[in-house]
Amino acid sequence: MRSCVVLLFASLLTLCEAQGTIVTPVFVLKGRDLLLKLHADPPEGVSYVDWKINKTVDLVRFKPSGEATVLHNVTGGFEFGENKFSVILKNVQEVDSGVYSAEAATDTGGKLVSEYKVTVQGPVSPVKLTVDRVDSSSSESCDLHVTCRTHNSNISSTFRCVDRVCNQEGGERSEVTTSGASLQVYLLNNVIICNHNNQVHRTQDLIPAEQLCYPDPPPPPGWVITTWILTFIVVVLIVWLCIDRKRLISKSK
């Protein structure tokens, strides 16, 4: 029974691929270039290969020789790579998002040979991790209340540290911002991390939790250091005088 299910799934997958219904998702950072190439070789006797967007607008037509004619441009224009029938979208912008497909035309009809669902995303905004409050009940434990902020969202969370081991109350916190990015605050190796990312870009801010709960002792004030130095000099002088006096007494004898 299990082998029949596997064979059925494989058959359906092959059928979908043959009909060109499997779409490759692609995420690209705004301003970058994007290479689109064929998933399979065009069939024998191909008359031309067309690249389209959203299956309605013809963008580029390739002759069987590989010579390209631009029918409708995109924002940044096209370049043509070394791979035959491939196109490079230059300086992509959000308006260039859509489904790009390549269709090979023959005497018997058309065949879909590639399909990409392209999503162009801009960089996410910077984040700031701030400590709202530190509650310390003893020298061994404390609670840290922090907020992870970006320009249009924020998340607050509490971390408890006991004997230099910190944990996040309620576990990792995250939410989806209005721009569709992910805003997270979590703990990794006693470091609090504020993370803002989408599929193509990320910004971070972090704070070591241990340093907030168990800060290093402050350096001694200047007068203490001066006193130590003067004491050391006096001790050295006394020792030197004692040694010199013994030397003189030995000579007088």
Protein backbone atom coordinates (compact mmCIF):
# COMPACT_ATOMS: atom_id res chain seq x y z
CA MET A 1 0.00 0.00 0.00
CA ARG A 2 2.78 2.39 0.95
CA SER A 3 4.68 1.74 -2.30
CA CYS A 4 1.49 2.48 -4.26
CA VAL A 5 1.12 5.83 -2.49
CA VAL A 6 4.77 6.69 -3.25
CA LEU A 7 4.32 5.76 -6.92
CA LEU A 8 1.11 7.80 -7.12
CA PHE A 9 2.83 10.84 -5.57
CA ALA A 10 5.78 10.48 -7.95
CA SER A 11 3.43 10.23 -10.91
CA LEU A 12 1.53 13.35 -9.84
CA LEU A 13 4.82 15.22 -9.33
CA THR A 14 6.02 14.21 -12.80
CA LEU A 15 2.70 15.28 -14.29
CA CYS A 16 2.85 18.66 -12.55
CA GLU A 17 6.40 19.22 -13.75
CA ALA A 18 5.42 18.25 -17.29
CA GLN A 19 2.55 20.72 -17.21
CA GLY A 20 4.76 23.42 -15.73
CA THR A 21 2.59 23.93 -12.64
CA ILE A 22 5.45 23.90 -10.11
CA VAL A 23 6.45 27.49 -9.37
CA THR A 24 9.88 28.31 -7.93
CA PRO A 25 9.60 30.99 -5.20
CA VAL A 26 12.37 33.61 -5.32
CA PHE A 27 12.98 36.45 -2.86
CA VAL A 28 15.36 39.21 -3.91
CA LEU A 29 16.61 42.39 -2.26
CA LYS A 30 15.48 45.64 -3.86
CA GLY A 31 18.18 47.03 -6.17
CA ARG A 32 19.83 43.67 -6.88
CA ASP A 33 19.93 41.78 -10.18
CA LEU A 34 18.00 38.54 -10.69
CA LEU A 35 18.87 35.70 -13.09
CA LEU A 36 15.97 33.69 -14.53
CA LYS A 37 16.84 30.60 -16.53
CA LEU A 38 15.03 27.60 -17.97
CA HIS A 39 14.31 24.64 -15.73
CA ALA A 40 14.37 22.32 -18.74
CA ASP A 41 15.60 22.38 -22.31
CA PRO A 42 12.99 23.56 -24.82
CA PRO A 43 11.44 20.79 -26.95
CA GLU A 44 12.73 19.83 -30.37
CA GLY A 45 11.51 22.04 -33.20
CA VAL A 46 11.01 25.09 -30.97
CA SER A 47 9.99 28.20 -32.91
CA TYR A 48 10.74 30.68 -30.12
CA VAL A 49 10.82 31.03 -26.31
CA ASP A 50 8.84 33.82 -24.63
CA TRP A 51 9.38 35.19 -21.13
CA LYS A 52 6.20 36.66 -19.65
CA ILE A 53 5.12 38.27 -16.39
CA ASN A 54 1.88 37.14 -14.77
CA LYS A 55 1.22 35.11 -17.96
CA THR A 56 -0.22 38.18 -19.68
CA VAL A 57 2.62 40.54 -20.66
CA ASP A 58 5.28 39.35 -23.11
CA LEU A 59 8.69 40.61 -21.99
CA VAL A 60 11.38 38.93 -24.13
CA ARG A 61 11.26 36.64 -27.17
CA PHE A 62 14.19 34.35 -28.01
CA LYS A 63 14.77 32.84 -31.42
CA PRO A 64 16.06 29.23 -31.52
CA SER A 65 19.55 30.68 -32.08
CA GLY A 66 19.33 32.52 -28.75
CA GLU A 67 18.91 36.01 -30.25
CA ALA A 68 16.67 38.07 -27.94
CA THR A 69 14.11 40.78 -28.67
CA VAL A 70 12.75 42.90 -25.80
CA LEU A 71 8.98 43.29 -26.19
CA HIS A 72 8.22 45.05 -22.90
CA ASN A 73 10.83 46.32 -20.46
CA VAL A 74 10.97 46.05 -16.68
CA THR A 75 12.07 48.84 -14.33
CA GLY A 76 15.82 48.34 -14.58
CA GLY A 77 15.92 46.68 -17.98
CA PHE A 78 17.35 43.32 -19.05
CA GLU A 79 20.71 41.74 -19.61
CA PHE A 80 21.22 38.35 -21.20
CA GLY A 81 23.48 35.79 -19.57
CA GLU A 82 25.68 33.10 -21.00
CA ASN A 83 22.93 30.51 -20.58
CA LYS A 84 20.80 30.31 -23.70
CA PHE A 85 17.27 31.72 -23.25
CA SER A 86 18.11 33.14 -19.77
CA VAL A 87 17.35 36.73 -18.73
CA ILE A 88 18.80 38.97 -16.03
CA LEU A 89 16.45 41.52 -14.46
CA LYS A 90 18.52 44.57 -13.52
CA ASN A 91 18.05 46.71 -10.39
CA VAL A 92 14.73 45.10 -9.44
CA GLN A 93 12.12 47.10 -7.52
CA GLU A 94 8.97 46.12 -5.61
CA VAL A 95 6.84 46.78 -8.72
CA ASP A 96 8.79 44.03 -10.50
CA SER A 97 7.33 41.37 -8.20
CA GLY A 98 5.18 38.82 -9.97
CA VAL A 99 5.13 35.43 -11.70
CA TYR A 100 7.72 35.13 -14.48
CA SER A 101 7.27 32.24 -16.89
CA ALA A 102 9.05 30.96 -19.98
CA GLU A 103 6.99 29.26 -22.68
CA ALA A 104 8.44 27.40 -25.65
CA ALA A 105 6.36 27.56 -28.83
CA THR A 106 6.35 24.73 -31.39
CA ASP A 107 4.20 23.76 -34.35
CA THR A 108 2.09 21.61 -32.06
CA GLY A 109 1.54 24.24 -29.35
CA GLY A 110 3.23 25.81 -26.34
CA LYS A 111 5.05 24.24 -23.41
CA LEU A 112 5.78 25.92 -20.08
CA VAL A 113 9.47 25.31 -19.30
CA SER A 114 10.06 27.63 -16.32
CA GLU A 115 8.03 29.56 -13.77
CA TYR A 116 9.22 31.79 -10.92
CA LYS A 117 7.19 33.61 -8.28
CA VAL A 118 9.41 36.64 -7.65
CA THR A 119 9.02 38.78 -4.53
CA VAL A 120 11.17 41.90 -4.30
CA GLN A 121 11.68 43.19 -0.74
CA GLY A 122 13.39 46.30 0.57
CA PRO A 123 15.86 46.27 3.50
CA VAL A 124 14.32 46.22 6.97
CA SER A 125 14.71 49.20 9.28
CA PRO A 126 17.27 49.25 12.14
CA VAL A 127 16.27 48.03 15.59
CA LYS A 128 17.07 49.26 19.10
CA LEU A 129 17.16 47.11 22.21
CA THR A 130 16.64 49.12 25.40
CA VAL A 131 16.65 48.07 29.05
CA ASP A 132 13.53 49.49 30.70
CA ARG A 133 14.24 48.28 34.24
CA VAL A 134 16.56 46.07 36.27
CA ASP A 135 15.10 44.54 39.45
CA SER A 136 17.67 42.95 41.73
CA SER A 137 16.50 41.14 44.84
CA SER A 138 19.97 39.84 45.77
CA SER A 139 23.51 39.62 44.49
CA GLU A 140 22.69 36.22 42.95
CA SER A 141 19.54 37.08 40.95
CA CYS A 142 17.82 39.86 39.02
CA ASP A 143 15.03 40.52 36.49
CA LEU A 144 15.66 42.44 33.27
CA HIS A 145 12.77 44.19 31.52
CA VAL A 146 13.67 45.07 27.90
CA THR A 147 11.98 46.39 24.77
CA CYS A 148 12.93 45.59 21.16
CA ARG A 149 11.90 48.49 18.90
CA THR A 150 11.75 49.29 15.21
CA HIS A 151 10.16 52.29 13.51
CA ASN A 152 6.64 50.82 13.52
CA SER A 153 6.64 47.97 16.06
CA ASN A 154 7.98 46.93 19.45
CA ILE A 155 8.10 43.86 21.67
CA SER A 156 8.75 43.78 25.42
CA SER A 157 10.06 40.81 27.36
CA THR A 158 11.42 39.89 30.79
CA PHE A 159 14.56 37.87 31.52
CA ARG A 160 15.45 36.35 34.88
CA CYS A 161 19.05 35.62 35.83
CA VAL A 162 19.93 33.38 38.79
CA ASP A 163 23.55 32.49 39.62
CA ARG A 164 24.66 33.88 36.23
CA VAL A 165 22.22 31.67 34.29
CA CYS A 166 19.52 33.66 32.44
CA ASN A 167 16.14 32.56 31.04
CA GLN A 168 13.42 34.35 29.10
CA GLU A 169 10.00 34.34 30.73
CA GLY A 170 7.47 32.86 28.33
CA GLY A 171 10.12 31.95 25.75
CA GLU A 172 10.98 33.75 22.51
CA ARG A 173 8.76 36.69 21.57
CA SER A 174 8.00 37.57 17.95
CA GLU A 175 5.48 39.37 15.77
CA VAL A 176 4.96 40.30 12.12
CA THR A 177 5.35 44.02 11.43
CA THR A 178 3.13 46.08 9.14
CA SER A 179 5.74 45.70 6.38
CA GLY A 180 5.55 41.90 6.63
CA ALA A 181 8.92 41.50 8.34
CA SER A 182 9.54 39.55 11.56
CA LEU A 183 10.48 41.29 14.83
CA GLN A 184 11.93 38.98 17.51
CA VAL A 185 13.51 39.22 20.93
CA TYR A 186 15.19 36.12 22.34
CA LEU A 187 18.07 34.84 24.47
CA LEU A 188 21.16 33.05 23.15
CA ASN A 189 24.11 32.14 25.42
CA ASN A 190 23.04 34.74 28.02
CA VAL A 191 22.89 37.45 25.32
CA ILE A 192 19.57 39.23 24.67
CA ILE A 193 19.06 39.64 20.91
CA CYS A 194 16.64 41.96 19.13
CA ASN A 195 16.22 40.80 15.51
CA HIS A 196 14.34 42.39 12.59
CA ASN A 197 14.33 40.48 9.31
CA ASN A 198 12.52 39.54 6.15
CA GLN A 199 13.58 36.90 3.61
CA VAL A 200 16.43 39.00 2.19
CA HIS A 201 17.71 41.36 4.91
CA ARG A 202 18.28 41.53 8.67
CA THR A 203 19.24 44.05 11.37
CA GLN A 204 20.16 43.24 14.97
CA ASP A 205 20.91 44.77 18.35
CA LEU A 206 22.09 42.86 21.42
CA ILE A 207 22.89 43.26 25.11
CA PRO A 208 24.79 40.77 27.33
CA ALA A 209 22.30 39.96 30.10
CA GLU A 210 25.00 38.81 32.51
CA GLN A 211 26.76 42.18 32.45
CA LEU A 212 23.54 43.97 33.42
CA CYS A 213 22.80 41.70 36.35
CA TYR A 214 26.39 41.16 37.48
CA PRO A 215 28.33 44.28 36.44
CA ASP A 216 32.08 44.44 36.96
CA PRO A 217 33.08 46.29 40.17
CA PRO A 218 33.83 49.96 39.54
CA PRO A 219 37.49 50.95 39.44
CA PRO A 220 38.90 52.47 42.65
CA PRO A 221 38.82 56.27 42.83
CA GLY A 222 41.93 58.26 42.00
CA TRP A 223 42.86 59.02 45.61
CA VAL A 224 42.95 55.30 46.42
CA ILE A 225 45.34 54.62 43.54
CA THR A 226 47.53 57.55 44.63
CA THR A 227 47.62 56.24 48.22
CA TRP A 228 48.68 52.78 47.01
CA ILE A 229 51.49 54.28 44.92
CA LEU A 230 52.76 56.46 47.78
CA THR A 231 52.59 53.53 50.21
CA PHE A 232 54.60 51.38 47.81
CA ILE A 233 57.25 54.12 47.45
CA VAL A 234 57.53 54.57 51.22
CA VAL A 235 57.90 50.81 51.76
CA VAL A 236 60.63 50.64 49.12
CA LEU A 237 62.49 53.58 50.73
CA ILE A 238 62.30 52.02 54.21
CA VAL A 239 63.60 48.69 52.92
CA TRP A 240 66.40 50.46 51.03
CA LEU A 241 67.38 52.49 54.14
CA CYS A 242 67.45 49.38 56.31
CA ILE A 243 69.68 47.56 53.81
CA ASP A 244 71.98 50.59 53.48
CA ARG A 245 72.31 50.93 57.28
CA LYS A 246 73.24 47.28 57.68
CA ARG A 247 75.85 47.73 54.96
CA LEU A 248 77.39 50.74 56.78
CA ILE A 249 77.44 48.93 60.12
CA SER A 250 79.19 45.97 58.52
CA LYS A 251 81.88 48.25 57.06
CA SER A 252 82.49 50.05 60.41
CA LYS A 253 83.25 46.73 62.04
